Amino acid sequence: MTDYKGSCLCGRVRFEVVGRFDSFYLCHCQHCQKDTGSAHAANLFSQSARLTWLSGAEAVTSFTVPGTRHQKSFCQTCGSALPSDQDTDGLVVPAGCLDTDISLQPTAHIFTASKASWYIKLDKAPKFKRLPE
């Protein structure tokens, strides 16, 4: 069994995931672009891992896009993405909310038909270790 710890940006919500992740998808669907404000979401999926809220469970809220299975859980205080324990899809954990390193590499890019038009050749863009001056 592997234990993973995670939290939100303000620290109000803390959680633990016990178990293994089945897949790690970079999702380019338009819903994920909207709810991350980025080119894609980076989510870990598991059918068997267990989620335990260590603190701040009362601050976790969820939103489901009407007519879809797209759900986002987040901290009511800081808005950070948090795990969703969906009944049919199992556990979905945004990779960025984990405080524990993960060794799993992304399994695949999904919904690439709707990827952001500017998401091309990003490896060619200049790289800086910090905010450039």
Protein backbone atom coordinates (compact mmCIF):
# COMPACT_ATOMS: atom_id res chain seq x y z
CA MET A 1 0.00 0.00 0.00
CA THR A 2 1.15 3.50 -0.78
CA ASP A 3 0.17 6.55 1.23
CA TYR A 4 -0.14 9.96 -0.35
CA LYS A 5 -0.74 13.21 1.52
CA GLY A 6 -2.19 16.35 0.02
CA SER A 7 -3.61 19.74 0.83
CA CYS A 8 -5.10 22.90 -0.60
CA LEU A 9 -3.21 26.15 -1.15
CA CYS A 10 -4.34 27.79 2.11
CA GLY A 11 -3.76 24.63 4.16
CA ARG A 12 -7.29 24.45 5.56
CA VAL A 13 -7.98 21.13 3.83
CA ARG A 14 -5.64 18.16 4.28
CA PHE A 15 -6.19 14.61 3.12
CA GLU A 16 -4.62 11.20 2.72
CA VAL A 17 -5.00 8.66 -0.07
CA VAL A 18 -4.11 5.04 0.68
CA GLY A 19 -3.74 2.70 -2.26
CA ARG A 20 -2.48 2.79 -5.80
CA PHE A 21 -3.45 4.88 -8.79
CA ASP A 22 -4.61 3.03 -11.91
CA SER A 23 -3.97 5.84 -14.38
CA PHE A 24 -2.68 9.39 -14.71
CA TYR A 25 -4.35 11.35 -17.50
CA LEU A 26 -3.64 14.80 -18.91
CA CYS A 27 -7.14 15.80 -20.03
CA HIS A 28 -7.53 18.46 -22.72
CA CYS A 29 -11.35 18.60 -22.74
CA GLN A 30 -12.94 22.03 -22.65
CA HIS A 31 -14.35 21.41 -19.16
CA CYS A 32 -10.87 20.71 -17.78
CA GLN A 33 -9.49 23.78 -19.55
CA LYS A 34 -12.17 25.92 -17.89
CA ASP A 35 -11.85 24.50 -14.40
CA THR A 36 -8.03 24.65 -14.34
CA GLY A 37 -7.58 27.85 -16.32
CA SER A 38 -4.87 26.01 -18.24
CA ALA A 39 -4.33 23.78 -21.27
CA HIS A 40 -5.22 20.59 -19.44
CA ALA A 41 -5.96 18.95 -16.12
CA ALA A 42 -3.54 16.43 -14.61
CA ASN A 43 -5.63 13.84 -12.74
CA LEU A 44 -4.84 10.52 -11.08
CA PHE A 45 -7.58 7.86 -11.09
CA SER A 46 -8.14 4.87 -8.83
CA GLN A 47 -10.92 2.35 -8.39
CA SER A 48 -9.47 0.97 -5.14
CA ALA A 49 -7.61 3.73 -3.25
CA ARG A 50 -9.24 5.19 -0.16
CA LEU A 51 -9.57 8.92 0.55
CA THR A 52 -9.58 10.23 4.13
CA TRP A 53 -10.05 13.90 4.95
CA LEU A 54 -7.58 14.76 7.74
CA SER A 55 -8.84 18.32 8.25
CA GLY A 56 -11.14 20.83 6.62
CA ALA A 57 -13.68 18.38 5.14
CA GLU A 58 -16.39 20.96 5.82
CA ALA A 59 -14.57 23.37 3.46
CA VAL A 60 -14.68 20.98 0.50
CA THR A 61 -17.38 21.64 -2.05
CA SER A 62 -18.08 20.12 -5.44
CA PHE A 63 -19.56 21.29 -8.71
CA THR A 64 -20.82 19.02 -11.49
CA VAL A 65 -21.32 20.51 -14.94
CA PRO A 66 -25.04 20.00 -15.63
CA GLY A 67 -25.75 17.11 -17.97
CA THR A 68 -22.21 15.70 -17.67
CA ARG A 69 -20.07 13.52 -15.40
CA HIS A 70 -17.50 16.32 -15.11
CA GLN A 71 -17.08 17.11 -11.42
CA LYS A 72 -14.65 19.41 -9.65
CA SER A 73 -14.09 19.44 -5.90
CA PHE A 74 -12.34 22.41 -4.36
CA CYS A 75 -11.60 24.32 -1.16
CA GLN A 76 -14.23 26.98 -0.40
CA THR A 77 -11.54 29.26 1.04
CA CYS A 78 -8.78 29.26 -1.59
CA GLY A 79 -10.39 27.48 -4.57
CA SER A 80 -7.69 24.81 -4.86
CA ALA A 81 -8.65 21.65 -6.73
CA LEU A 82 -9.16 18.67 -4.42
CA PRO A 83 -9.97 14.96 -4.80
CA SER A 84 -13.40 13.82 -5.91
CA ASP A 85 -14.73 10.48 -4.74
CA GLN A 86 -17.22 9.89 -7.54
CA ASP A 87 -19.55 6.92 -7.13
CA THR A 88 -19.16 5.44 -10.61
CA ASP A 89 -15.73 6.69 -11.62
CA GLY A 90 -13.89 5.97 -8.40
CA LEU A 91 -11.41 8.40 -6.91
CA VAL A 92 -10.06 11.30 -9.00
CA VAL A 93 -7.11 13.21 -7.51
CA PRO A 94 -5.69 16.35 -9.12
CA ALA A 95 -1.96 15.63 -9.23
CA GLY A 96 -1.03 19.17 -8.22
CA CYS A 97 -2.77 18.96 -4.83
CA LEU A 98 -0.53 16.13 -3.63
CA ASP A 99 2.27 17.01 -1.19
CA THR A 100 3.79 13.54 -1.61
CA ASP A 101 5.86 12.90 -4.72
CA ILE A 102 4.43 10.38 -7.16
CA SER A 103 6.56 8.12 -9.32
CA LEU A 104 3.79 7.45 -11.84
CA GLN A 105 4.29 9.22 -15.17
CA PRO A 106 1.26 10.36 -17.20
CA THR A 107 -0.49 7.43 -18.87
CA ALA A 108 -1.83 9.47 -21.79
CA HIS A 109 -3.16 12.77 -23.08
CA ILE A 110 -6.94 12.45 -23.51
CA PHE A 111 -9.57 14.51 -25.35
CA THR A 112 -6.85 15.98 -27.54
CA ALA A 113 -9.41 16.80 -30.23
CA SER A 114 -10.39 19.80 -28.08
CA LYS A 115 -6.89 20.81 -26.96
CA ALA A 116 -6.09 24.53 -26.73
CA SER A 117 -4.96 25.97 -30.05
CA TRP A 118 -1.80 27.36 -28.42
CA TYR A 119 -0.81 23.96 -27.03
CA ILE A 120 1.77 23.13 -29.69
CA LYS A 121 5.52 22.69 -29.44
CA LEU A 122 5.55 23.89 -25.83
CA ASP A 123 8.91 22.21 -25.32
CA LYS A 124 10.35 24.85 -27.72
CA ALA A 125 9.24 27.76 -25.50
CA PRO A 126 12.01 29.41 -23.42
CA LYS A 127 12.45 27.95 -19.92
CA PHE A 128 13.20 29.89 -16.74
CA LYS A 129 13.72 28.52 -13.21
CA ARG A 130 11.89 31.57 -11.83
CA LEU A 131 9.81 34.47 -13.12
CA PRO A 132 11.93 36.20 -15.81
CA GLU A 133 12.94 39.81 -15.23
